[in-house]
Protein backbone atom coordinates (compact mmCIF):
# COMPACT_ATOMS: atom_id res chain seq x y z
CA MET A 1 120.09 129.93 116.78
CA SER A 2 118.54 126.98 118.88
CA VAL A 3 120.58 124.29 120.63
CA SER A 4 118.83 121.05 121.88
CA GLU A 5 117.05 120.71 125.06
CA ALA A 6 119.72 118.42 126.36
CA PHE A 7 122.47 120.97 125.62
CA GLU A 8 120.64 123.68 127.33
CA ALA A 9 120.20 121.21 130.28
CA PHE A 10 123.74 120.37 130.49
CA ALA A 11 124.41 124.25 130.35
CA ARG A 12 122.10 124.99 132.97
CA GLU A 13 122.54 122.14 135.47
CA THR A 14 126.27 121.45 135.48
CA PRO A 15 127.96 124.91 134.29
CA ALA A 16 131.32 123.78 135.61
CA GLN A 17 131.41 120.85 133.31
CA PHE A 18 129.86 122.67 130.61
CA GLY A 19 132.36 125.60 130.87
CA ALA A 20 135.21 122.83 130.62
CA TRP A 21 133.39 121.34 127.73
CA MET A 22 133.11 124.43 125.82
CA ARG A 23 136.84 125.55 126.64
CA ALA A 24 137.84 122.01 125.02
CA VAL A 25 135.52 122.58 122.02
CA GLY A 26 137.21 125.94 121.46
CA GLU A 27 140.57 124.81 121.70
CA LEU A 28 140.24 122.05 119.62
CA GLY A 29 138.53 124.40 116.86
CA ASP A 30 141.52 126.77 117.35
CA ALA A 31 143.91 123.89 116.79
CA SER A 32 142.21 122.78 113.86
CA ALA A 33 143.91 123.42 110.20
CA LEU A 34 140.36 123.73 108.99
CA ASP A 35 138.58 127.12 108.47
CA GLU A 36 135.36 127.66 110.55
CA ARG A 37 133.05 127.02 107.64
CA THR A 38 134.85 123.88 106.34
CA GLN A 39 134.79 122.50 110.12
CA GLU A 40 131.04 122.86 110.30
CA ILE A 41 130.53 121.21 106.98
CA ALA A 42 132.62 118.38 108.29
CA TYR A 43 130.90 118.16 111.87
CA LEU A 44 127.70 117.84 109.81
CA ALA A 45 128.91 114.70 108.19
CA VAL A 46 130.14 113.48 111.31
CA LEU A 47 126.70 114.25 113.10
CA ALA A 48 124.75 112.52 110.34
CA ALA A 49 126.98 109.31 110.15
CA THR A 50 127.10 108.97 114.05
CA GLY A 51 123.03 109.50 114.09
CA LEU A 52 123.62 112.39 116.54
CA HIS A 53 120.48 114.49 115.41
CA SER A 54 120.35 116.91 118.21
CA GLY A 55 123.22 119.06 116.84
CA LEU A 56 122.03 119.15 113.45
CA ASP A 57 119.78 122.21 113.45
CA PHE A 58 122.56 124.45 115.10
CA HIS A 59 125.35 123.24 113.25
CA THR A 60 123.37 123.67 109.64
CA ARG A 61 122.25 127.31 110.51
CA ARG A 62 125.93 127.86 111.52
CA ALA A 63 127.40 126.20 108.32
CA LEU A 64 124.76 128.47 106.34
CA GLU A 65 125.64 131.62 108.31
CA LEU A 66 129.38 130.97 107.25
CA GLY A 67 128.38 130.84 103.64
CA ALA A 68 127.84 127.05 102.95
CA SER A 69 125.14 126.32 100.51
CA ARG A 70 122.34 124.19 100.78
CA ALA A 71 123.67 121.74 98.31
CA GLU A 72 127.08 121.80 100.47
CA VAL A 73 125.10 121.12 103.65
CA LEU A 74 123.03 118.00 101.88
CA SER A 75 126.31 116.66 100.41
CA ALA A 76 128.01 116.73 103.67
CA VAL A 77 125.20 114.85 105.34
CA LEU A 78 125.57 112.28 102.58
CA VAL A 79 129.26 111.91 102.30
CA GLY A 80 129.20 109.19 104.97
CA LEU A 81 126.66 107.02 102.96
CA PRO A 82 129.41 104.54 101.86
CA ALA A 83 130.85 104.09 105.25
CA ALA A 84 127.80 104.53 107.55
CA GLY A 85 125.03 103.31 105.27
CA ASN A 86 121.57 104.70 104.94
CA ARG A 87 121.62 105.77 108.56
CA VAL A 88 122.93 109.17 107.30
CA THR A 89 119.50 109.73 105.42
CA SER A 90 117.77 110.10 108.71
CA ALA A 91 119.57 113.54 109.32
CA LEU A 92 118.11 114.82 106.13
CA PRO A 93 114.83 115.87 107.43
CA HIS A 94 116.46 117.69 110.33
CA VAL A 95 118.99 119.48 108.15
CA LEU A 96 116.24 120.38 105.21
CA ALA A 97 113.94 122.00 108.17
CA ALA A 98 116.87 123.91 109.32
CA CYS A 99 117.73 125.19 105.90
CA ALA A 100 114.19 126.18 105.57
CA ASP A 101 113.98 127.87 108.80
CA ALA A 102 117.43 129.64 108.33
CA SER A 103 115.98 131.78 105.19
CA GLY A 104 113.25 130.04 103.63
CA PRO A 105 114.01 128.00 100.29
CA LEU A 106 117.58 127.82 99.37
CA SER A 107 118.91 127.12 96.11
CA GLY A 108 122.29 125.91 95.29
């Protein structure tokens, strides 16, 4: 699974801060009442709504690995449409590419 160039640089160039960040991410996940699949789907909605495209490939693939369907992933991207507006649609090309790369054309 690929991560963004920025995330790779973060890990490589500032390992202490990266380690602290990853521990915090892990602890937040452990504290969540959501199962991992639902958390990934929700995170896709947040990434799309905030315009943070660099994590879309990784988190789309992770959601699919955890059993999310293509339709669920696309719906997650669009869930923020009423609140965040049309900006969420700019995430669609990134998510569709990750879906296609993950396992070819998906249905659902």
